């Protein structure tokens, strides 16, 4: 966006079936890579983790651990185990670019 006077602005993005997201925009200066995520709405009790980062480090991973659904030991969700047995967790995407 060009011609935006100096200041801090909040851009609210929303749409049917999607969670509302807020982006912080700073006017009066050149800023690159201001990205947001349009995330589908979740059901009650669900949550989503979105991990984003820049060029360095070249790869960053999410690890999630918690109790198993059968009351046994804990599960560990990460790149090599994207859908741990006895958990309701799922890693749907691992993007290294």
C-alpha atoms as a PDB file:
ATOM      1  CA  UNK A   1       0.000   0.000   0.000  1.00  0.00           C
ATOM      2  CA  UNK A   2       1.414   3.420  -0.887  1.00  0.00           C
ATOM      3  CA  UNK A   3       0.577   6.838   0.469  1.00  0.00           C
ATOM      4  CA  UNK A   4      -0.434   5.670   3.936  1.00  0.00           C
ATOM      5  CA  UNK A   5       0.434   8.399   6.455  1.00  0.00           C
ATOM      6  CA  UNK A   6       2.875   7.564   9.258  1.00  0.00           C
ATOM      7  CA  UNK A   7       1.221   5.737  12.127  1.00  0.00           C
ATOM      8  CA  UNK A   8       0.209   2.299  13.297  1.00  0.00           C
ATOM      9  CA  UNK A   9      -2.876   0.664  11.845  1.00  0.00           C
ATOM     10  CA  UNK A  10      -4.701  -2.586  12.508  1.00  0.00           C
ATOM     11  CA  UNK A  11      -6.201  -4.424   9.548  1.00  0.00           C
ATOM     12  CA  UNK A  12      -8.976  -6.887  10.436  1.00  0.00           C
ATOM     13  CA  UNK A  13      -9.495  -9.743   7.972  1.00  0.00           C
ATOM     14  CA  UNK A  14     -12.617 -11.891   8.197  1.00  0.00           C
ATOM     15  CA  UNK A  15     -14.908 -14.011   6.077  1.00  0.00           C
ATOM     16  CA  UNK A  16     -17.644 -16.637   6.412  1.00  0.00           C
ATOM     17  CA  UNK A  17     -16.219 -19.871   7.832  1.00  0.00           C
ATOM     18  CA  UNK A  18     -12.879 -18.295   8.749  1.00  0.00           C
ATOM     19  CA  UNK A  19     -11.463 -17.059  12.048  1.00  0.00           C
ATOM     20  CA  UNK A  20     -10.968 -13.294  12.260  1.00  0.00           C
ATOM     21  CA  UNK A  21      -7.307 -12.274  11.983  1.00  0.00           C
ATOM     22  CA  UNK A  22      -5.605  -8.974  12.765  1.00  0.00           C
ATOM     23  CA  UNK A  23      -2.536  -7.585  10.985  1.00  0.00           C
ATOM     24  CA  UNK A  24      -0.495  -4.714  12.376  1.00  0.00           C
ATOM     25  CA  UNK A  25       0.482  -2.243   9.642  1.00  0.00           C
ATOM     26  CA  UNK A  26       2.938   0.623  10.101  1.00  0.00           C
ATOM     27  CA  UNK A  27       2.438   3.561   7.721  1.00  0.00           C
ATOM     28  CA  UNK A  28       5.130   5.949   6.510  1.00  0.00           C
ATOM     29  CA  UNK A  29       7.819   3.301   6.068  1.00  0.00           C
ATOM     30  CA  UNK A  30       8.659   0.498   3.677  1.00  0.00           C
ATOM     31  CA  UNK A  31       7.789  -2.865   5.184  1.00  0.00           C
ATOM     32  CA  UNK A  32       8.026  -6.231   3.463  1.00  0.00           C
ATOM     33  CA  UNK A  33       6.708  -9.689   4.242  1.00  0.00           C
ATOM     34  CA  UNK A  34       3.618  -8.621   6.171  1.00  0.00           C
ATOM     35  CA  UNK A  35       1.664 -11.827   5.805  1.00  0.00           C
ATOM     36  CA  UNK A  36      -1.395 -13.163   7.557  1.00  0.00           C
ATOM     37  CA  UNK A  37      -3.170 -16.487   7.713  1.00  0.00           C
ATOM     38  CA  UNK A  38      -6.773 -17.129   6.714  1.00  0.00           C
ATOM     39  CA  UNK A  39      -7.601 -19.998   9.033  1.00  0.00           C
ATOM     40  CA  UNK A  40     -10.866 -21.972   8.920  1.00  0.00           C
ATOM     41  CA  UNK A  41     -12.994 -21.702  12.068  1.00  0.00           C
ATOM     42  CA  UNK A  42     -12.540 -24.493  14.580  1.00  0.00           C
ATOM     43  CA  UNK A  43     -15.078 -26.412  16.595  1.00  0.00           C
ATOM     44  CA  UNK A  44     -15.390 -25.876  20.325  1.00  0.00           C
ATOM     45  CA  UNK A  45     -12.414 -27.385  22.181  1.00  0.00           C
ATOM     46  CA  UNK A  46     -10.134 -27.412  19.121  1.00  0.00           C
ATOM     47  CA  UNK A  47      -7.067 -25.249  18.648  1.00  0.00           C
ATOM     48  CA  UNK A  48      -4.558 -24.595  15.883  1.00  0.00           C
ATOM     49  CA  UNK A  49      -0.876 -23.643  15.994  1.00  0.00           C
ATOM     50  CA  UNK A  50       0.582 -21.806  12.994  1.00  0.00           C
ATOM     51  CA  UNK A  51       4.357 -21.392  13.067  1.00  0.00           C
ATOM     52  CA  UNK A  52       5.895 -18.859  10.695  1.00  0.00           C
ATOM     53  CA  UNK A  53       9.449 -17.532  10.464  1.00  0.00           C
ATOM     54  CA  UNK A  54      11.879 -15.746   8.164  1.00  0.00           C
ATOM     55  CA  UNK A  55      14.919 -16.904   6.194  1.00  0.00           C
ATOM     56  CA  UNK A  56      16.978 -17.655   9.302  1.00  0.00           C
ATOM     57  CA  UNK A  57      16.785 -20.304  10.628  1.00  0.00           C
ATOM     58  CA  UNK A  58      16.120 -22.196   7.410  1.00  0.00           C
ATOM     59  CA  UNK A  59      13.842 -24.676   9.189  1.00  0.00           C
ATOM     60  CA  UNK A  60      11.919 -24.444  12.433  1.00  0.00           C
ATOM     61  CA  UNK A  61       9.752 -27.226  13.842  1.00  0.00           C
ATOM     62  CA  UNK A  62       6.734 -27.442  16.100  1.00  0.00           C
ATOM     63  CA  UNK A  63       6.702 -30.083  18.829  1.00  0.00           C
ATOM     64  CA  UNK A  64       3.534 -30.833  20.767  1.00  0.00           C
ATOM     65  CA  UNK A  65       3.214 -33.253  23.655  1.00  0.00           C
ATOM     66  CA  UNK A  66       0.271 -34.199  25.813  1.00  0.00           C
ATOM     67  CA  UNK A  67      -1.625 -37.054  27.437  1.00  0.00           C
ATOM     68  CA  UNK A  68      -2.779 -39.873  25.196  1.00  0.00           C
ATOM     69  CA  UNK A  69      -6.487 -40.453  24.645  1.00  0.00           C
ATOM     70  CA  UNK A  70      -6.355 -43.845  26.421  1.00  0.00           C
ATOM     71  CA  UNK A  71      -4.684 -42.501  29.582  1.00  0.00           C
ATOM     72  CA  UNK A  72      -1.344 -44.163  28.841  1.00  0.00           C
ATOM     73  CA  UNK A  73       1.967 -42.422  28.285  1.00  0.00           C
ATOM     74  CA  UNK A  74       2.293 -39.040  26.593  1.00  0.00           C
ATOM     75  CA  UNK A  75       2.258 -38.504  22.820  1.00  0.00           C
ATOM     76  CA  UNK A  76       4.849 -36.422  20.941  1.00  0.00           C
ATOM     77  CA  UNK A  77       3.791 -34.812  17.665  1.00  0.00           C
ATOM     78  CA  UNK A  78       6.543 -33.520  15.335  1.00  0.00           C
ATOM     79  CA  UNK A  79       7.845 -33.891  11.773  1.00  0.00           C
ATOM     80  CA  UNK A  80       8.677 -37.617  12.031  1.00  0.00           C
ATOM     81  CA  UNK A  81       5.402 -38.477  13.794  1.00  0.00           C
ATOM     82  CA  UNK A  82       2.682 -36.277  12.256  1.00  0.00           C
ATOM     83  CA  UNK A  83      -0.274 -38.226  13.716  1.00  0.00           C
ATOM     84  CA  UNK A  84       0.771 -39.884  16.990  1.00  0.00           C
ATOM     85  CA  UNK A  85      -1.086 -43.030  18.009  1.00  0.00           C
ATOM     86  CA  UNK A  86      -3.653 -42.476  20.790  1.00  0.00           C
ATOM     87  CA  UNK A  87      -3.850 -38.696  20.355  1.00  0.00           C
ATOM     88  CA  UNK A  88      -6.247 -36.284  18.697  1.00  0.00           C
ATOM     89  CA  UNK A  89      -3.322 -34.238  17.355  1.00  0.00           C
ATOM     90  CA  UNK A  90      -2.357 -33.897  13.689  1.00  0.00           C
ATOM     91  CA  UNK A  91       0.492 -32.081  11.942  1.00  0.00           C
ATOM     92  CA  UNK A  92      -0.940 -31.316   8.502  1.00  0.00           C
ATOM     93  CA  UNK A  93       1.957 -29.485   6.865  1.00  0.00           C
ATOM     94  CA  UNK A  94       5.729 -29.215   7.203  1.00  0.00           C
ATOM     95  CA  UNK A  95       7.023 -26.549   4.823  1.00  0.00           C
ATOM     96  CA  UNK A  96      10.766 -25.877   4.728  1.00  0.00           C
ATOM     97  CA  UNK A  97      10.704 -23.291   1.946  1.00  0.00           C
END
